Amino acid sequence: MRPGLERIGRFDPERARTRFRNTFRPQHTRLVLNPAGQLIGCVALGPHDGSLLLEHFYLVPEVQGQGVGSAVLLCLMSEADASAKAVRVDVLRDSDAKRFYERHGFVETHRDEFDIYLERLPECA
């Protein structure tokens, strides 16, 4: 996230660490491994206010743009659909992540000074 935060003049390593520590829910966090078993990312998806909150979706730069993120997200959305719950996520303004989530059915619900909030409703079986 550092490049995105730097773009809007908001990168502060201590604030980033504090935010991560305050929102990290290990019981909902999954590791993303490549076929050789190497760690290439992580993502968290867990209950929050009657829906599911998607957060901390990070992939190493070397695999970005190769469909890995889409594959992981499609798997998570399948689980969300099975639970009949909406999925919410927030992204930094001016982030490429907004387009990524919109391609996967998320729509903007609101925004504030720094973030855009998106939601994807469950697909009916």
N, C-alpha and C. Protein backbone atom coordinates (compact mmCIF):
# COMPACT_ATOMS: atom_id res chain seq x y z
N MET A 1 0.81 -1.20 0.00
CA MET A 1 0.00 0.00 0.00
C MET A 1 0.85 1.26 0.00
N ARG A 2 2.10 1.11 0.25
CA ARG A 2 2.94 2.29 0.36
C ARG A 2 2.86 3.22 -0.85
N PRO A 3 2.95 2.71 -2.10
CA PRO A 3 2.87 3.63 -3.24
C PRO A 3 1.56 4.44 -3.27
N GLY A 4 0.45 3.79 -2.96
CA GLY A 4 -0.82 4.50 -2.94
C GLY A 4 -0.88 5.57 -1.88
N LEU A 5 -0.36 5.25 -0.71
CA LEU A 5 -0.33 6.24 0.37
C LEU A 5 0.62 7.39 0.05
N GLU A 6 1.73 7.07 -0.58
CA GLU A 6 2.66 8.13 -0.96
C GLU A 6 2.04 9.05 -2.00
N ARG A 7 1.25 8.49 -2.92
CA ARG A 7 0.61 9.29 -3.96
C ARG A 7 -0.29 10.37 -3.38
N ILE A 8 -0.94 10.05 -2.26
CA ILE A 8 -1.84 11.04 -1.66
C ILE A 8 -1.20 11.74 -0.46
N GLY A 9 0.10 11.55 -0.30
CA GLY A 9 0.82 12.23 0.77
C GLY A 9 0.49 11.75 2.16
N ARG A 10 0.11 10.47 2.30
CA ARG A 10 -0.33 9.96 3.60
C ARG A 10 0.52 8.81 4.12
N PHE A 11 1.68 8.53 3.51
CA PHE A 11 2.47 7.40 4.00
C PHE A 11 3.19 7.78 5.29
N ASP A 12 2.94 6.98 6.28
CA ASP A 12 3.60 7.10 7.57
C ASP A 12 3.78 5.67 8.07
N PRO A 13 5.01 5.17 8.13
CA PRO A 13 5.21 3.76 8.50
C PRO A 13 4.60 3.39 9.85
N GLU A 14 4.69 4.27 10.82
CA GLU A 14 4.13 3.95 12.13
C GLU A 14 2.60 3.88 12.08
N ARG A 15 1.97 4.81 11.37
CA ARG A 15 0.51 4.78 11.24
C ARG A 15 0.07 3.51 10.51
N ALA A 16 0.82 3.11 9.46
CA ALA A 16 0.49 1.89 8.73
C ALA A 16 0.58 0.66 9.62
N ARG A 17 1.64 0.57 10.42
CA ARG A 17 1.78 -0.56 11.35
C ARG A 17 0.66 -0.57 12.39
N THR A 18 0.35 0.60 12.93
CA THR A 18 -0.70 0.69 13.95
C THR A 18 -2.05 0.29 13.36
N ARG A 19 -2.35 0.77 12.17
CA ARG A 19 -3.62 0.41 11.53
C ARG A 19 -3.70 -1.09 11.31
N PHE A 20 -2.62 -1.68 10.82
CA PHE A 20 -2.62 -3.12 10.59
C PHE A 20 -2.82 -3.88 11.91
N ARG A 21 -2.07 -3.50 12.95
CA ARG A 21 -2.21 -4.17 14.25
C ARG A 21 -3.63 -4.05 14.79
N ASN A 22 -4.24 -2.89 14.63
CA ASN A 22 -5.57 -2.65 15.18
C ASN A 22 -6.68 -3.37 14.42
N THR A 23 -6.43 -3.73 13.17
CA THR A 23 -7.47 -4.36 12.36
C THR A 23 -7.17 -5.81 12.01
N PHE A 24 -6.01 -6.31 12.40
CA PHE A 24 -5.62 -7.68 12.07
C PHE A 24 -6.46 -8.67 12.86
N ARG A 25 -7.12 -9.57 12.14
CA ARG A 25 -7.92 -10.62 12.76
C ARG A 25 -7.37 -11.96 12.25
N PRO A 26 -6.41 -12.53 12.98
CA PRO A 26 -5.73 -13.72 12.48
C PRO A 26 -6.67 -14.89 12.19
N GLN A 27 -7.75 -14.99 12.92
CA GLN A 27 -8.68 -16.10 12.71
C GLN A 27 -9.37 -16.03 11.35
N HIS A 28 -9.32 -14.87 10.69
CA HIS A 28 -9.96 -14.71 9.38
C HIS A 28 -8.94 -14.49 8.26
N THR A 29 -7.67 -14.58 8.60
CA THR A 29 -6.61 -14.31 7.63
C THR A 29 -6.13 -15.61 7.00
N ARG A 30 -5.93 -15.55 5.69
CA ARG A 30 -5.45 -16.70 4.94
C ARG A 30 -4.17 -16.32 4.21
N LEU A 31 -3.30 -17.26 4.10
CA LEU A 31 -2.07 -17.05 3.34
C LEU A 31 -2.30 -17.48 1.91
N VAL A 32 -1.68 -16.77 0.99
CA VAL A 32 -1.74 -17.12 -0.43
C VAL A 32 -0.38 -17.70 -0.79
N LEU A 33 -0.40 -18.94 -1.27
CA LEU A 33 0.83 -19.64 -1.63
C LEU A 33 0.85 -19.91 -3.13
N ASN A 34 2.03 -19.92 -3.71
CA ASN A 34 2.14 -20.30 -5.12
C ASN A 34 2.19 -21.83 -5.20
N PRO A 35 2.17 -22.41 -6.42
CA PRO A 35 2.17 -23.87 -6.53
C PRO A 35 3.37 -24.55 -5.85
N ALA A 36 4.47 -23.84 -5.70
CA ALA A 36 5.64 -24.41 -5.03
C ALA A 36 5.55 -24.28 -3.51
N GLY A 37 4.47 -23.68 -3.02
CA GLY A 37 4.29 -23.53 -1.58
C GLY A 37 4.92 -22.30 -0.98
N GLN A 38 5.38 -21.38 -1.82
CA GLN A 38 5.99 -20.14 -1.31
C GLN A 38 4.91 -19.11 -1.01
N LEU A 39 5.10 -18.38 0.07
CA LEU A 39 4.16 -17.33 0.46
C LEU A 39 4.24 -16.18 -0.54
N ILE A 40 3.09 -15.84 -1.13
CA ILE A 40 3.06 -14.72 -2.08
C ILE A 40 2.02 -13.67 -1.70
N GLY A 41 1.32 -13.88 -0.58
CA GLY A 41 0.35 -12.88 -0.17
C GLY A 41 -0.50 -13.33 0.99
N CYS A 42 -1.46 -12.48 1.31
CA CYS A 42 -2.43 -12.81 2.36
C CYS A 42 -3.71 -12.03 2.09
N VAL A 43 -4.77 -12.47 2.73
CA VAL A 43 -6.07 -11.81 2.63
C VAL A 43 -6.90 -12.21 3.85
N ALA A 44 -7.75 -11.31 4.28
CA ALA A 44 -8.65 -11.61 5.40
C ALA A 44 -10.09 -11.39 4.93
N LEU A 45 -10.94 -12.31 5.31
CA LEU A 45 -12.37 -12.21 5.04
C LEU A 45 -13.09 -12.75 6.27
N GLY A 46 -13.86 -11.88 6.93
CA GLY A 46 -14.55 -12.32 8.14
C GLY A 46 -15.78 -11.48 8.41
N PRO A 47 -16.61 -11.96 9.32
CA PRO A 47 -17.87 -11.27 9.62
C PRO A 47 -17.64 -9.89 10.21
N HIS A 48 -18.55 -8.99 9.82
CA HIS A 48 -18.50 -7.62 10.34
C HIS A 48 -19.85 -6.95 10.06
N ASP A 49 -20.57 -6.62 11.11
CA ASP A 49 -21.84 -5.90 10.99
C ASP A 49 -22.82 -6.55 10.03
N GLY A 50 -22.98 -7.86 10.10
CA GLY A 50 -23.97 -8.56 9.27
C GLY A 50 -23.52 -8.87 7.86
N SER A 51 -22.32 -8.47 7.50
CA SER A 51 -21.79 -8.79 6.19
C SER A 51 -20.40 -9.39 6.39
N LEU A 52 -19.65 -9.48 5.33
CA LEU A 52 -18.26 -9.95 5.40
C LEU A 52 -17.35 -8.80 5.04
N LEU A 53 -16.28 -8.64 5.78
CA LEU A 53 -15.32 -7.58 5.53
C LEU A 53 -14.07 -8.19 4.90
N LEU A 54 -13.72 -7.68 3.73
CA LEU A 54 -12.50 -8.10 3.03
C LEU A 54 -11.44 -7.05 3.31
N GLU A 55 -10.30 -7.51 3.83
CA GLU A 55 -9.25 -6.55 4.16
C GLU A 55 -7.89 -7.22 4.08
N HIS A 56 -6.87 -6.41 4.09
CA HIS A 56 -5.48 -6.89 4.09
C HIS A 56 -5.21 -7.86 2.94
N PHE A 57 -5.66 -7.49 1.75
CA PHE A 57 -5.44 -8.31 0.56
C PHE A 57 -4.15 -7.80 -0.09
N TYR A 58 -3.09 -8.52 0.16
CA TYR A 58 -1.77 -8.12 -0.33
C TYR A 58 -1.15 -9.27 -1.11
N LEU A 59 -0.58 -8.93 -2.25
CA LEU A 59 0.19 -9.89 -3.04
C LEU A 59 1.55 -9.28 -3.34
N VAL A 60 2.57 -10.12 -3.41
CA VAL A 60 3.90 -9.62 -3.74
C VAL A 60 3.84 -9.04 -5.16
N PRO A 61 4.60 -7.98 -5.42
CA PRO A 61 4.54 -7.33 -6.73
C PRO A 61 4.80 -8.27 -7.91
N GLU A 62 5.62 -9.29 -7.72
CA GLU A 62 5.98 -10.18 -8.82
C GLU A 62 4.79 -10.96 -9.39
N VAL A 63 3.72 -11.13 -8.63
CA VAL A 63 2.57 -11.89 -9.14
C VAL A 63 1.38 -10.99 -9.48
N GLN A 64 1.49 -9.72 -9.19
CA GLN A 64 0.39 -8.80 -9.50
C GLN A 64 0.24 -8.69 -11.02
N GLY A 65 -1.01 -8.63 -11.46
CA GLY A 65 -1.29 -8.51 -12.88
C GLY A 65 -1.26 -9.83 -13.62
N GLN A 66 -1.15 -10.95 -12.90
CA GLN A 66 -1.08 -12.26 -13.54
C GLN A 66 -2.32 -13.12 -13.27
N GLY A 67 -3.35 -12.54 -12.69
CA GLY A 67 -4.58 -13.27 -12.43
C GLY A 67 -4.66 -13.93 -11.07
N VAL A 68 -3.60 -13.84 -10.29
CA VAL A 68 -3.60 -14.46 -8.96
C VAL A 68 -4.65 -13.80 -8.06
N GLY A 69 -4.67 -12.49 -8.04
CA GLY A 69 -5.64 -11.78 -7.21
C GLY A 69 -7.06 -12.10 -7.60
N SER A 70 -7.33 -12.17 -8.89
CA SER A 70 -8.68 -12.52 -9.36
C SER A 70 -9.05 -13.93 -8.94
N ALA A 71 -8.12 -14.86 -9.05
CA ALA A 71 -8.40 -16.25 -8.66
C ALA A 71 -8.73 -16.33 -7.17
N VAL A 72 -7.95 -15.64 -6.35
CA VAL A 72 -8.19 -15.64 -4.91
C VAL A 72 -9.54 -14.99 -4.62
N LEU A 73 -9.80 -13.85 -5.23
CA LEU A 73 -11.05 -13.15 -4.97
C LEU A 73 -12.26 -13.98 -5.42
N LEU A 74 -12.18 -14.64 -6.55
CA LEU A 74 -13.29 -15.48 -7.01
C LEU A 74 -13.59 -16.60 -6.02
N CYS A 75 -12.56 -17.17 -5.45
CA CYS A 75 -12.75 -18.21 -4.43
C CYS A 75 -13.45 -17.63 -3.21
N LEU A 76 -13.02 -16.47 -2.77
CA LEU A 76 -13.64 -15.83 -1.60
C LEU A 76 -15.09 -15.44 -1.89
N MET A 77 -15.37 -14.97 -3.10
CA MET A 77 -16.73 -14.57 -3.45
C MET A 77 -17.66 -15.78 -3.52
N SER A 78 -17.11 -16.92 -3.92
CA SER A 78 -17.89 -18.14 -3.93
C SER A 78 -18.31 -18.50 -2.51
N GLU A 79 -17.40 -18.38 -1.57
CA GLU A 79 -17.71 -18.63 -0.17
C GLU A 79 -18.75 -17.63 0.34
N ALA A 80 -18.59 -16.37 -0.04
CA ALA A 80 -19.54 -15.34 0.40
C ALA A 80 -20.93 -15.62 -0.16
N ASP A 81 -21.00 -16.01 -1.44
CA ASP A 81 -22.29 -16.33 -2.04
C ASP A 81 -22.95 -17.49 -1.32
N ALA A 82 -22.16 -18.50 -0.95
CA ALA A 82 -22.70 -19.66 -0.24
C ALA A 82 -23.27 -19.26 1.12
N SER A 83 -22.70 -18.23 1.72
CA SER A 83 -23.21 -17.77 3.02
C SER A 83 -24.30 -16.71 2.87
N ALA A 84 -24.57 -16.31 1.61
CA ALA A 84 -25.60 -15.30 1.31
C ALA A 84 -25.33 -13.98 2.01
N LYS A 85 -24.04 -13.61 2.10
CA LYS A 85 -23.67 -12.35 2.74
C LYS A 85 -22.99 -11.41 1.75
N ALA A 86 -23.25 -10.12 1.93
CA ALA A 86 -22.57 -9.10 1.15
C ALA A 86 -21.12 -9.03 1.61
N VAL A 87 -20.25 -8.58 0.71
CA VAL A 87 -18.84 -8.39 1.04
C VAL A 87 -18.54 -6.91 0.89
N ARG A 88 -17.87 -6.36 1.90
CA ARG A 88 -17.49 -4.94 1.88
C ARG A 88 -15.98 -4.83 1.90
N VAL A 89 -15.49 -3.79 1.26
CA VAL A 89 -14.05 -3.52 1.22
C VAL A 89 -13.87 -2.02 1.07
N ASP A 90 -12.77 -1.50 1.57
CA ASP A 90 -12.45 -0.10 1.32
C ASP A 90 -11.08 -0.02 0.70
N VAL A 91 -10.93 0.96 -0.20
CA VAL A 91 -9.68 1.17 -0.92
C VAL A 91 -9.31 2.65 -0.85
N LEU A 92 -8.04 2.92 -1.00
CA LEU A 92 -7.60 4.31 -1.06
C LEU A 92 -8.12 4.99 -2.32
N ARG A 93 -8.47 6.25 -2.20
CA ARG A 93 -8.82 7.02 -3.40
C ARG A 93 -7.64 6.97 -4.36
N ASP A 94 -7.90 7.00 -5.64
CA ASP A 94 -6.87 6.96 -6.68
C ASP A 94 -6.12 5.64 -6.72
N SER A 95 -6.68 4.60 -6.13
CA SER A 95 -6.03 3.30 -6.11
C SER A 95 -6.51 2.46 -7.30
N ASP A 96 -5.59 1.70 -7.88
CA ASP A 96 -5.97 0.76 -8.93
C ASP A 96 -6.89 -0.33 -8.39
N ALA A 97 -6.88 -0.54 -7.09
CA ALA A 97 -7.71 -1.58 -6.48
C ALA A 97 -9.19 -1.34 -6.73
N LYS A 98 -9.61 -0.10 -6.84
CA LYS A 98 -11.04 0.19 -7.07
C LYS A 98 -11.50 -0.46 -8.37
N ARG A 99 -10.74 -0.30 -9.43
CA ARG A 99 -11.10 -0.91 -10.72
C ARG A 99 -11.10 -2.43 -10.62
N PHE A 100 -10.13 -2.97 -9.90
CA PHE A 100 -10.06 -4.42 -9.70
C PHE A 100 -11.35 -4.93 -9.07
N TYR A 101 -11.78 -4.30 -7.98
CA TYR A 101 -12.98 -4.76 -7.30
C TYR A 101 -14.23 -4.51 -8.15
N GLU A 102 -14.29 -3.41 -8.86
CA GLU A 102 -15.45 -3.15 -9.72
C GLU A 102 -15.57 -4.21 -10.81
N ARG A 103 -14.45 -4.68 -11.35
CA ARG A 103 -14.49 -5.75 -12.36
C ARG A 103 -15.09 -7.03 -11.79
N HIS A 104 -15.07 -7.15 -10.47
CA HIS A 104 -15.59 -8.36 -9.82
C HIS A 104 -16.93 -8.11 -9.14
N GLY A 105 -17.65 -7.09 -9.57
CA GLY A 105 -19.02 -6.87 -9.13
C GLY A 105 -19.22 -5.97 -7.94
N PHE A 106 -18.18 -5.35 -7.44
CA PHE A 106 -18.32 -4.42 -6.32
C PHE A 106 -18.78 -3.06 -6.86
N VAL A 107 -19.60 -2.38 -6.07
CA VAL A 107 -20.05 -1.03 -6.42
C VAL A 107 -19.75 -0.10 -5.25
N GLU A 108 -19.48 1.12 -5.59
CA GLU A 108 -19.18 2.13 -4.57
C GLU A 108 -20.43 2.45 -3.78
N THR A 109 -20.28 2.49 -2.45
CA THR A 109 -21.40 2.86 -1.59
C THR A 109 -21.24 4.27 -1.03
N HIS A 110 -20.00 4.64 -0.73
CA HIS A 110 -19.73 6.00 -0.25
C HIS A 110 -18.22 6.20 -0.21
N ARG A 111 -17.83 7.42 0.14
CA ARG A 111 -16.41 7.74 0.23
C ARG A 111 -16.20 8.79 1.30
N ASP A 112 -14.96 8.86 1.76
CA ASP A 112 -14.58 9.93 2.68
C ASP A 112 -13.32 10.60 2.13
N GLU A 113 -12.65 11.34 2.95
CA GLU A 113 -11.51 12.12 2.47
C GLU A 113 -10.42 11.26 1.83
N PHE A 114 -10.18 10.06 2.34
CA PHE A 114 -9.08 9.24 1.86
C PHE A 114 -9.50 7.90 1.26
N ASP A 115 -10.67 7.39 1.60
CA ASP A 115 -11.06 6.04 1.20
C ASP A 115 -12.35 6.03 0.39
N ILE A 116 -12.48 4.96 -0.40
CA ILE A 116 -13.71 4.65 -1.13
C ILE A 116 -14.20 3.31 -0.61
N TYR A 117 -15.49 3.23 -0.31
CA TYR A 117 -16.08 2.03 0.26
C TYR A 117 -16.91 1.33 -0.81
N LEU A 118 -16.70 0.03 -0.95
CA LEU A 118 -17.34 -0.76 -1.98
C LEU A 118 -18.06 -1.94 -1.35
N GLU A 119 -19.07 -2.43 -2.07
CA GLU A 119 -19.82 -3.58 -1.59
C GLU A 119 -20.22 -4.46 -2.77
N ARG A 120 -20.23 -5.75 -2.53
CA ARG A 120 -20.70 -6.72 -3.51
C ARG A 120 -21.78 -7.55 -2.84
N LEU A 121 -22.98 -7.53 -3.41
CA LEU A 121 -24.07 -8.31 -2.87
C LEU A 121 -23.91 -9.76 -3.29
N PRO A 122 -24.43 -10.69 -2.50
CA PRO A 122 -24.28 -12.10 -2.86
C PRO A 122 -25.06 -12.43 -4.12
N GLU A 123 -24.51 -13.33 -4.91
CA GLU A 123 -25.23 -13.83 -6.08
C GLU A 123 -26.09 -14.99 -5.64
N CYS A 124 -27.30 -15.03 -6.15
CA CYS A 124 -28.22 -16.11 -5.80
C CYS A 124 -27.82 -17.38 -6.55
N ALA A 125 -27.98 -18.49 -5.86
CA ALA A 125 -27.67 -19.79 -6.48
C ALA A 125 -28.76 -20.18 -7.45
